[in-house]
Amino acid sequence: MHFCWILISIFLTSTSSFLLFFVFLSPSTATDSLDSTYHTTSLIELEGPYQIAKLITVKVQANQNKGSGILIQKYGNIYRVLTNAHVLTSGEPFQVQLFDGVSYTAYELKSVNWQGYDLAILEFRASKSYSLAVLGNSSKLTMNKSVFAAGFSSNSKELDFTSGKIMLITAKKIEGGYQIGYTNSIEQGMSGGPILSENGEVVGVNGMGAYPILNTAYRFEDGSFPKEAQLSLMRQFSWGIPINTVTQIGYKNYFFRKFNSK
């Protein structure tokens, strides 16, 4: 209740601004304009990474498969969730559950050409207002940078939130679009969840935990493999897809209107 009171108070004292990240809209004031992640005042200025992760990370149920996703976009009463393609491999029906415990039937947006990367978009309809992620600039990530990883592991009802550091950024993409190696623990079910910077921006998408069974998981998209010493190092880390890969494809497919340009 205290958290809600703070947000409502901020809203009541800022009615002249429509740039608040956490927006409370009544049905009569909602428009059909596309809400993106471009905001000058956002949830980042109100909450830390953990609270942000709780609001933007969703559970994804794909038939018998369980995974996670990120609320990234809204158009009218249609929300879009970014996740991994491998989370959806078991097929429909798709369900997404948000931080308030409410579940919605979702459908895959199949019109996007992901170029073989391990990415997918789900859409669902909701009359309630939910917070959207702020997408950062993954090209500014550096070695030893602190990051947080969030998602819902298969055996947990609560959000898993782990801290760690970026240890590798590959020049070539691993098949699926993976380039960010980080020390955060990623459990089964956290695939599709966000990698967040210290200020709560989404800089990547979880997708591959450390020590996979097969070394072929590290094949580069050009068909080559890392050398033995590099492979041994790569196996120690979790791997994520840079958010810039998502935004670049978004521009090409026109399903995003604008992005942060930080």
C-alpha atoms as a PDB file:
ATOM      1  CA  MET A   1       0.000   0.000   0.000  1.00  0.00           C
ATOM      2  CA  HIS A   2       2.850   2.367   0.765  1.00  0.00           C
ATOM      3  CA  PHE A   3       4.347   1.781  -2.704  1.00  0.00           C
ATOM      4  CA  CYS A   4       1.010   2.447  -4.422  1.00  0.00           C
ATOM      5  CA  TRP A   5       0.470   5.585  -2.346  1.00  0.00           C
ATOM      6  CA  ILE A   6       3.819   6.979  -3.482  1.00  0.00           C
ATOM      7  CA  LEU A   7       3.029   6.355  -7.150  1.00  0.00           C
ATOM      8  CA  ILE A   8      -0.473   7.856  -6.863  1.00  0.00           C
ATOM      9  CA  SER A   9       0.876  10.892  -5.033  1.00  0.00           C
ATOM     10  CA  ILE A  10       3.434  11.471  -7.769  1.00  0.00           C
ATOM     11  CA  PHE A  11       0.719  11.203 -10.371  1.00  0.00           C
ATOM     12  CA  LEU A  12      -1.576  13.640  -8.616  1.00  0.00           C
ATOM     13  CA  THR A  13       1.175  16.210  -8.328  1.00  0.00           C
ATOM     14  CA  SER A  14       2.247  15.788 -11.933  1.00  0.00           C
ATOM     15  CA  THR A  15      -1.020  15.892 -13.869  1.00  0.00           C
ATOM     16  CA  SER A  16       0.452  18.368 -16.320  1.00  0.00           C
ATOM     17  CA  SER A  17       3.027  15.843 -17.478  1.00  0.00           C
ATOM     18  CA  PHE A  18       2.299  12.950 -19.770  1.00  0.00           C
ATOM     19  CA  LEU A  19       5.895  11.689 -19.692  1.00  0.00           C
ATOM     20  CA  LEU A  20       5.688   9.757 -16.435  1.00  0.00           C
ATOM     21  CA  PHE A  21       6.920   6.237 -17.028  1.00  0.00           C
ATOM     22  CA  PHE A  22       4.445   4.589 -14.679  1.00  0.00           C
ATOM     23  CA  VAL A  23       1.209   5.865 -16.200  1.00  0.00           C
ATOM     24  CA  PHE A  24      -2.252   5.483 -14.724  1.00  0.00           C
ATOM     25  CA  LEU A  25      -4.769   5.972 -17.561  1.00  0.00           C
ATOM     26  CA  SER A  26      -8.509   5.646 -17.311  1.00  0.00           C
ATOM     27  CA  PRO A  27     -10.218   4.074 -20.329  1.00  0.00           C
ATOM     28  CA  SER A  28     -11.579   7.469 -21.306  1.00  0.00           C
ATOM     29  CA  THR A  29      -8.099   9.025 -21.500  1.00  0.00           C
ATOM     30  CA  ALA A  30      -6.258   6.135 -23.166  1.00  0.00           C
ATOM     31  CA  THR A  31      -5.269   6.692 -26.780  1.00  0.00           C
ATOM     32  CA  ASP A  32      -4.275   4.377 -29.571  1.00  0.00           C
ATOM     33  CA  SER A  33      -0.822   5.911 -29.874  1.00  0.00           C
ATOM     34  CA  LEU A  34       2.122   3.555 -29.581  1.00  0.00           C
ATOM     35  CA  ASP A  35       3.787   3.744 -26.165  1.00  0.00           C
ATOM     36  CA  SER A  36       7.480   3.008 -26.512  1.00  0.00           C
ATOM     37  CA  THR A  37      10.444   3.181 -24.187  1.00  0.00           C
ATOM     38  CA  TYR A  38      11.344   6.787 -24.898  1.00  0.00           C
ATOM     39  CA  HIS A  39      10.675   8.818 -21.757  1.00  0.00           C
ATOM     40  CA  THR A  40      12.355  11.750 -20.042  1.00  0.00           C
ATOM     41  CA  THR A  41      10.870  10.919 -16.636  1.00  0.00           C
ATOM     42  CA  SER A  42      10.574   7.235 -15.893  1.00  0.00           C
ATOM     43  CA  LEU A  43      10.179   4.543 -13.296  1.00  0.00           C
ATOM     44  CA  ILE A  44      13.980   4.485 -13.146  1.00  0.00           C
ATOM     45  CA  GLU A  45      13.855   7.802 -11.294  1.00  0.00           C
ATOM     46  CA  LEU A  46      11.364   6.376  -8.790  1.00  0.00           C
ATOM     47  CA  GLU A  47      12.607   2.841  -8.032  1.00  0.00           C
ATOM     48  CA  GLY A  48      15.727   0.682  -7.999  1.00  0.00           C
ATOM     49  CA  PRO A  49      16.506  -2.192 -10.400  1.00  0.00           C
ATOM     50  CA  TYR A  50      14.751  -4.849  -8.302  1.00  0.00           C
ATOM     51  CA  GLN A  51      11.449  -2.980  -8.138  1.00  0.00           C
ATOM     52  CA  ILE A  52      11.697  -2.184 -11.831  1.00  0.00           C
ATOM     53  CA  ALA A  53      12.354  -5.850 -12.612  1.00  0.00           C
ATOM     54  CA  LYS A  54       9.267  -6.887 -10.619  1.00  0.00           C
ATOM     55  CA  LEU A  55       7.048  -4.594 -12.677  1.00  0.00           C
ATOM     56  CA  ILE A  56       8.389  -5.333 -16.172  1.00  0.00           C
ATOM     57  CA  THR A  57       9.191  -9.074 -15.934  1.00  0.00           C
ATOM     58  CA  VAL A  58       6.396 -11.524 -16.717  1.00  0.00           C
ATOM     59  CA  LYS A  59       5.971 -15.280 -16.447  1.00  0.00           C
ATOM     60  CA  VAL A  60       5.468 -16.983 -19.798  1.00  0.00           C
ATOM     61  CA  GLN A  61       3.678 -20.319 -20.092  1.00  0.00           C
ATOM     62  CA  ALA A  62       3.917 -21.934 -23.515  1.00  0.00           C
ATOM     63  CA  ASN A  63       1.970 -25.187 -23.350  1.00  0.00           C
ATOM     64  CA  GLN A  64       4.229 -27.215 -21.018  1.00  0.00           C
ATOM     65  CA  ASN A  65       7.184 -24.830 -21.331  1.00  0.00           C
ATOM     66  CA  LYS A  66       7.890 -22.130 -18.743  1.00  0.00           C
ATOM     67  CA  GLY A  67       9.918 -18.986 -19.292  1.00  0.00           C
ATOM     68  CA  SER A  68      10.024 -15.259 -18.726  1.00  0.00           C
ATOM     69  CA  GLY A  69       9.474 -12.104 -20.722  1.00  0.00           C
ATOM     70  CA  ILE A  70       9.808  -8.324 -20.675  1.00  0.00           C
ATOM     71  CA  LEU A  71       7.012  -5.780 -21.080  1.00  0.00           C
ATOM     72  CA  ILE A  72       8.366  -3.471 -23.767  1.00  0.00           C
ATOM     73  CA  GLN A  73       5.500  -1.840 -25.621  1.00  0.00           C
ATOM     74  CA  LYS A  74       1.839  -0.846 -25.575  1.00  0.00           C
ATOM     75  CA  TYR A  75      -0.579   0.092 -28.333  1.00  0.00           C
ATOM     76  CA  GLY A  76      -4.015   1.015 -27.003  1.00  0.00           C
ATOM     77  CA  ASN A  77      -4.910  -1.967 -24.819  1.00  0.00           C
ATOM     78  CA  ILE A  78      -2.456  -4.298 -26.575  1.00  0.00           C
ATOM     79  CA  TYR A  79       0.813  -5.019 -24.738  1.00  0.00           C
ATOM     80  CA  ARG A  80       3.908  -6.590 -26.246  1.00  0.00           C
ATOM     81  CA  VAL A  81       6.268  -8.936 -24.396  1.00  0.00           C
ATOM     82  CA  LEU A  82       9.809  -9.681 -25.546  1.00  0.00           C
ATOM     83  CA  THR A  83      11.033 -13.209 -24.855  1.00  0.00           C
ATOM     84  CA  ASN A  84      13.228 -15.981 -26.317  1.00  0.00           C
ATOM     85  CA  ALA A  85      12.033 -17.977 -29.296  1.00  0.00           C
ATOM     86  CA  HIS A  86      13.044 -21.210 -27.564  1.00  0.00           C
ATOM     87  CA  VAL A  87      10.578 -20.451 -24.755  1.00  0.00           C
ATOM     88  CA  LEU A  88       7.738 -20.769 -27.291  1.00  0.00           C
ATOM     89  CA  THR A  89       8.895 -23.940 -29.058  1.00  0.00           C
ATOM     90  CA  SER A  90       6.250 -26.142 -27.421  1.00  0.00           C
ATOM     91  CA  GLY A  91       3.566 -24.020 -29.104  1.00  0.00           C
ATOM     92  CA  GLU A  92       0.231 -22.559 -28.096  1.00  0.00           C
ATOM     93  CA  PRO A  93      -1.586 -21.862 -25.893  1.00  0.00           C
ATOM     94  CA  PHE A  94       0.527 -19.004 -24.539  1.00  0.00           C
ATOM     95  CA  GLN A  95      -0.177 -17.361 -21.174  1.00  0.00           C
ATOM     96  CA  VAL A  96       1.577 -14.432 -19.529  1.00  0.00           C
ATOM     97  CA  GLN A  97       1.287 -13.606 -15.840  1.00  0.00           C
ATOM     98  CA  LEU A  98       2.143 -10.122 -14.613  1.00  0.00           C
ATOM     99  CA  PHE A  99       3.388  -8.841 -11.260  1.00  0.00           C
ATOM    100  CA  ASP A 100      -0.175  -8.461  -9.923  1.00  0.00           C
ATOM    101  CA  GLY A 101      -0.868 -12.158 -10.444  1.00  0.00           C
ATOM    102  CA  VAL A 102      -3.262 -11.612 -13.354  1.00  0.00           C
ATOM    103  CA  SER A 103      -2.801 -13.949 -16.335  1.00  0.00           C
ATOM    104  CA  TYR A 104      -3.643 -13.192 -19.954  1.00  0.00           C
ATOM    105  CA  THR A 105      -3.874 -15.270 -23.102  1.00  0.00           C
ATOM    106  CA  ALA A 106      -1.118 -14.188 -25.490  1.00  0.00           C
ATOM    107  CA  TYR A 107      -0.373 -14.655 -29.181  1.00  0.00           C
ATOM    108  CA  GLU A 108       2.949 -14.659 -31.004  1.00  0.00           C
ATOM    109  CA  LEU A 109       3.651 -11.758 -33.358  1.00  0.00           C
ATOM    110  CA  LYS A 110       4.906 -13.745 -36.335  1.00  0.00           C
ATOM    111  CA  SER A 111       5.377 -10.862 -38.766  1.00  0.00           C
ATOM    112  CA  VAL A 112       8.829  -9.980 -37.393  1.00  0.00           C
ATOM    113  CA  ASN A 113      11.907 -11.348 -39.171  1.00  0.00           C
ATOM    114  CA  TRP A 114      14.270 -12.102 -36.292  1.00  0.00           C
ATOM    115  CA  GLN A 115      17.034 -13.217 -38.682  1.00  0.00           C
ATOM    116  CA  GLY A 116      17.420 -16.510 -36.850  1.00  0.00           C
ATOM    117  CA  TYR A 117      18.030 -14.906 -33.460  1.00  0.00           C
ATOM    118  CA  ASP A 118      16.544 -16.451 -30.326  1.00  0.00           C
ATOM    119  CA  LEU A 119      13.881 -13.752 -29.944  1.00  0.00           C
ATOM    120  CA  ALA A 120      10.098 -13.533 -30.129  1.00  0.00           C
ATOM    121  CA  ILE A 121       7.262 -11.144 -29.334  1.00  0.00           C
ATOM    122  CA  LEU A 122       3.986 -12.023 -27.616  1.00  0.00           C
ATOM    123  CA  GLU A 123       0.922  -9.777 -27.600  1.00  0.00           C
ATOM    124  CA  PHE A 124      -1.939  -9.700 -25.111  1.00  0.00           C
ATOM    125  CA  ARG A 125      -4.866  -7.406 -24.364  1.00  0.00           C
ATOM    126  CA  ALA A 126      -5.431  -5.784 -20.969  1.00  0.00           C
ATOM    127  CA  SER A 127      -7.548  -2.894 -19.767  1.00  0.00           C
ATOM    128  CA  LYS A 128      -5.213  -2.353 -16.809  1.00  0.00           C
ATOM    129  CA  SER A 129      -2.157  -0.107 -17.018  1.00  0.00           C
ATOM    130  CA  TYR A 130       1.249  -1.727 -16.648  1.00  0.00           C
ATOM    131  CA  SER A 131       4.773  -0.329 -16.632  1.00  0.00           C
ATOM    132  CA  LEU A 132       7.014  -0.724 -19.662  1.00  0.00           C
ATOM    133  CA  ALA A 133      10.750  -1.381 -19.682  1.00  0.00           C
ATOM    134  CA  VAL A 134      13.210   1.347 -20.564  1.00  0.00           C
ATOM    135  CA  LEU A 135      15.596  -0.027 -23.174  1.00  0.00           C
ATOM    136  CA  GLY A 136      19.218   1.015 -22.713  1.00  0.00           C
ATOM    137  CA  ASN A 137      22.159   1.085 -25.096  1.00  0.00           C
ATOM    138  CA  SER A 138      24.035  -2.212 -24.958  1.00  0.00           C
ATOM    139  CA  SER A 139      26.873  -0.835 -27.092  1.00  0.00           C
ATOM    140  CA  LYS A 140      28.019   1.054 -23.989  1.00  0.00           C
ATOM    141  CA  LEU A 141      28.465  -2.111 -21.926  1.00  0.00           C
ATOM    142  CA  THR A 142      32.011  -2.761 -20.736  1.00  0.00           C
ATOM    143  CA  MET A 143      33.906  -5.549 -19.020  1.00  0.00           C
ATOM    144  CA  ASN A 144      33.311  -5.835 -15.249  1.00  0.00           C
ATOM    145  CA  LYS A 145      30.172  -3.711 -15.527  1.00  0.00           C
ATOM    146  CA  SER A 146      27.646  -4.636 -12.824  1.00  0.00           C
ATOM    147  CA  VAL A 147      24.363  -6.022 -14.133  1.00  0.00           C
ATOM    148  CA  PHE A 148      21.254  -7.693 -12.740  1.00  0.00           C
ATOM    149  CA  ALA A 149      19.339 -10.617 -14.222  1.00  0.00           C
ATOM    150  CA  ALA A 150      15.676 -11.322 -13.548  1.00  0.00           C
ATOM    151  CA  GLY A 151      13.192 -14.044 -14.417  1.00  0.00           C
ATOM    152  CA  PHE A 152      11.006 -16.793 -13.022  1.00  0.00           C
ATOM    153  CA  SER A 153      12.862 -20.059 -12.609  1.00  0.00           C
ATOM    154  CA  SER A 154      10.742 -23.149 -13.152  1.00  0.00           C
ATOM    155  CA  ASN A 155      10.574 -24.065  -9.449  1.00  0.00           C
ATOM    156  CA  SER A 156       9.955 -20.575  -8.058  1.00  0.00           C
ATOM    157  CA  LYS A 157       6.744 -18.603  -7.608  1.00  0.00           C
ATOM    158  CA  GLU A 158       8.678 -15.428  -6.871  1.00  0.00           C
ATOM    159  CA  LEU A 159      10.900 -13.378  -9.141  1.00  0.00           C
ATOM    160  CA  ASP A 160      14.520 -14.520  -9.215  1.00  0.00           C
ATOM    161  CA  PHE A 161      16.893 -11.548  -9.187  1.00  0.00           C
ATOM    162  CA  THR A 162      20.638 -12.065  -9.343  1.00  0.00           C
ATOM    163  CA  SER A 163      23.593  -9.711  -9.429  1.00  0.00           C
ATOM    164  CA  GLY A 164      26.850 -10.139 -11.295  1.00  0.00           C
ATOM    165  CA  LYS A 165      29.279  -8.609 -13.758  1.00  0.00           C
ATOM    166  CA  ILE A 166      29.846  -8.682 -17.487  1.00  0.00           C
ATOM    167  CA  MET A 167      32.923 -10.775 -18.228  1.00  0.00           C
ATOM    168  CA  LEU A 168      32.866 -11.271 -22.002  1.00  0.00           C
ATOM    169  CA  ILE A 169      31.445  -9.430 -24.988  1.00  0.00           C
ATOM    170  CA  THR A 170      32.116 -11.373 -28.184  1.00  0.00           C
ATOM    171  CA  ALA A 171      32.894  -9.557 -31.410  1.00  0.00           C
ATOM    172  CA  LYS A 172      30.997 -12.215 -33.357  1.00  0.00           C
ATOM    173  CA  LYS A 173      27.486 -13.286 -32.418  1.00  0.00           C
ATOM    174  CA  ILE A 174      26.954 -16.795 -31.125  1.00  0.00           C
ATOM    175  CA  GLU A 175      24.109 -18.547 -32.933  1.00  0.00           C
ATOM    176  CA  GLY A 176      20.860 -17.122 -31.628  1.00  0.00           C
ATOM    177  CA  GLY A 177      22.355 -13.627 -31.316  1.00  0.00           C
ATOM    178  CA  TYR A 178      24.169 -14.157 -28.014  1.00  0.00           C
ATOM    179  CA  GLN A 179      27.117 -11.852 -27.272  1.00  0.00           C
ATOM    180  CA  ILE A 180      27.037 -10.902 -23.573  1.00  0.00           C
ATOM    181  CA  GLY A 181      28.725 -13.270 -21.112  1.00  0.00           C
ATOM    182  CA  TYR A 182      28.003 -12.473 -17.449  1.00  0.00           C
ATOM    183  CA  THR A 183      28.441 -14.067 -14.034  1.00  0.00           C
ATOM    184  CA  ASN A 184      24.799 -13.886 -12.893  1.00  0.00           C
ATOM    185  CA  SER A 185      23.215 -17.258 -12.211  1.00  0.00           C
ATOM    186  CA  ILE A 186      20.505 -18.086 -14.773  1.00  0.00           C
ATOM    187  CA  GLU A 187      18.190 -20.975 -13.963  1.00  0.00           C
ATOM    188  CA  GLN A 188      15.799 -22.797 -16.267  1.00  0.00           C
ATOM    189  CA  GLY A 189      12.703 -20.637 -16.670  1.00  0.00           C
ATOM    190  CA  MET A 190      14.585 -17.329 -16.549  1.00  0.00           C
ATOM    191  CA  SER A 191      15.082 -17.347 -20.316  1.00  0.00           C
ATOM    192  CA  GLY A 192      13.492 -14.279 -21.873  1.00  0.00           C
ATOM    193  CA  GLY A 193      13.858 -12.196 -18.723  1.00  0.00           C
ATOM    194  CA  PRO A 194      15.777  -8.902 -18.603  1.00  0.00           C
ATOM    195  CA  ILE A 195      19.420  -8.118 -18.032  1.00  0.00           C
ATOM    196  CA  LEU A 196      19.367  -4.732 -16.320  1.00  0.00           C
ATOM    197  CA  SER A 197      21.985  -2.052 -15.812  1.00  0.00           C
ATOM    198  CA  GLU A 198      22.573  -0.488 -12.397  1.00  0.00           C
ATOM    199  CA  ASN A 199      20.047   2.236 -13.186  1.00  0.00           C
ATOM    200  CA  GLY A 200      17.363  -0.232 -14.248  1.00  0.00           C
ATOM    201  CA  GLU A 201      17.564  -0.017 -18.037  1.00  0.00           C
ATOM    202  CA  VAL A 202      17.188  -3.255 -19.985  1.00  0.00           C
ATOM    203  CA  VAL A 203      20.487  -3.921 -21.757  1.00  0.00           C
ATOM    204  CA  GLY A 204      19.963  -7.532 -22.750  1.00  0.00           C
ATOM    205  CA  VAL A 205      17.791 -10.641 -22.728  1.00  0.00           C
ATOM    206  CA  ASN A 206      18.631 -13.761 -20.691  1.00  0.00           C
ATOM    207  CA  GLY A 207      18.738 -16.959 -22.666  1.00  0.00           C
ATOM    208  CA  MET A 208      21.555 -19.383 -21.907  1.00  0.00           C
ATOM    209  CA  GLY A 209      22.912 -20.543 -18.568  1.00  0.00           C
ATOM    210  CA  ALA A 210      26.468 -21.560 -17.786  1.00  0.00           C
ATOM    211  CA  TYR A 211      27.844 -25.035 -18.546  1.00  0.00           C
ATOM    212  CA  PRO A 212      25.382 -26.273 -21.192  1.00  0.00           C
ATOM    213  CA  ILE A 213      25.513 -29.975 -22.004  1.00  0.00           C
ATOM    214  CA  LEU A 214      26.784 -29.467 -25.560  1.00  0.00           C
ATOM    215  CA  ASN A 215      29.678 -27.274 -26.670  1.00  0.00           C
ATOM    216  CA  THR A 216      27.802 -26.655 -29.921  1.00  0.00           C
ATOM    217  CA  ALA A 217      25.850 -24.045 -27.964  1.00  0.00           C
ATOM    218  CA  TYR A 218      28.831 -21.743 -28.614  1.00  0.00           C
ATOM    219  CA  ARG A 219      28.941 -22.009 -32.378  1.00  0.00           C
ATOM    220  CA  PHE A 220      29.238 -18.570 -33.958  1.00  0.00           C
ATOM    221  CA  GLU A 221      26.697 -17.536 -36.561  1.00  0.00           C
ATOM    222  CA  ASP A 222      29.356 -17.796 -39.285  1.00  0.00           C
ATOM    223  CA  GLY A 223      29.662 -21.519 -38.472  1.00  0.00           C
ATOM    224  CA  SER A 224      33.030 -21.320 -36.685  1.00  0.00           C
ATOM    225  CA  PHE A 225      33.740 -22.368 -33.109  1.00  0.00           C
ATOM    226  CA  PRO A 226      35.798 -20.674 -30.379  1.00  0.00           C
ATOM    227  CA  LYS A 227      39.243 -22.077 -29.677  1.00  0.00           C
ATOM    228  CA  GLU A 228      39.553 -24.471 -26.773  1.00  0.00           C
ATOM    229  CA  ALA A 229      40.830 -21.900 -24.263  1.00  0.00           C
ATOM    230  CA  GLN A 230      38.116 -19.416 -25.198  1.00  0.00           C
ATOM    231  CA  LEU A 231      35.460 -22.134 -25.091  1.00  0.00           C
ATOM    232  CA  SER A 232      36.534 -23.159 -21.595  1.00  0.00           C
ATOM    233  CA  LEU A 233      36.133 -19.554 -20.471  1.00  0.00           C
ATOM    234  CA  MET A 234      32.797 -19.039 -22.240  1.00  0.00           C
ATOM    235  CA  ARG A 235      31.264 -22.092 -20.574  1.00  0.00           C
ATOM    236  CA  GLN A 236      31.679 -20.480 -17.152  1.00  0.00           C
ATOM    237  CA  PHE A 237      29.213 -17.663 -17.851  1.00  0.00           C
ATOM    238  CA  SER A 238      25.556 -17.097 -18.587  1.00  0.00           C
ATOM    239  CA  TRP A 239      24.801 -15.565 -21.982  1.00  0.00           C
ATOM    240  CA  GLY A 240      22.385 -12.926 -23.168  1.00  0.00           C
ATOM    241  CA  ILE A 241      21.340 -11.150 -26.358  1.00  0.00           C
ATOM    242  CA  PRO A 242      22.186  -7.411 -26.460  1.00  0.00           C
ATOM    243  CA  ILE A 243      19.111  -5.196 -26.445  1.00  0.00           C
ATOM    244  CA  ASN A 244      20.545  -3.271 -29.408  1.00  0.00           C
ATOM    245  CA  THR A 245      19.995  -6.400 -31.505  1.00  0.00           C
ATOM    246  CA  VAL A 246      16.301  -6.116 -30.643  1.00  0.00           C
ATOM    247  CA  THR A 247      16.083  -2.410 -31.396  1.00  0.00           C
ATOM    248  CA  GLN A 248      17.936  -2.718 -34.700  1.00  0.00           C
ATOM    249  CA  ILE A 249      15.526  -5.400 -35.882  1.00  0.00           C
ATOM    250  CA  GLY A 250      12.698  -3.266 -34.519  1.00  0.00           C
ATOM    251  CA  TYR A 251      13.684  -0.415 -36.803  1.00  0.00           C
ATOM    252  CA  LYS A 252      13.823  -2.722 -39.817  1.00  0.00           C
ATOM    253  CA  ASN A 253      10.423  -4.248 -39.061  1.00  0.00           C
ATOM    254  CA  TYR A 254       8.757  -1.009 -37.935  1.00  0.00           C
ATOM    255  CA  PHE A 255       7.237  -2.544 -34.830  1.00  0.00           C
ATOM    256  CA  PHE A 256       8.940   0.089 -32.672  1.00  0.00           C
ATOM    257  CA  ARG A 257       8.386   3.777 -33.227  1.00  0.00           C
ATOM    258  CA  LYS A 258      11.234   5.176 -31.134  1.00  0.00           C
ATOM    259  CA  PHE A 259      13.846   4.144 -28.626  1.00  0.00           C
ATOM    260  CA  ASN A 260      16.053   5.634 -25.993  1.00  0.00           C
ATOM    261  CA  SER A 261      19.133   7.131 -27.590  1.00  0.00           C
ATOM    262  CA  LYS A 262      21.308   7.227 -24.513  1.00  0.00           C
END
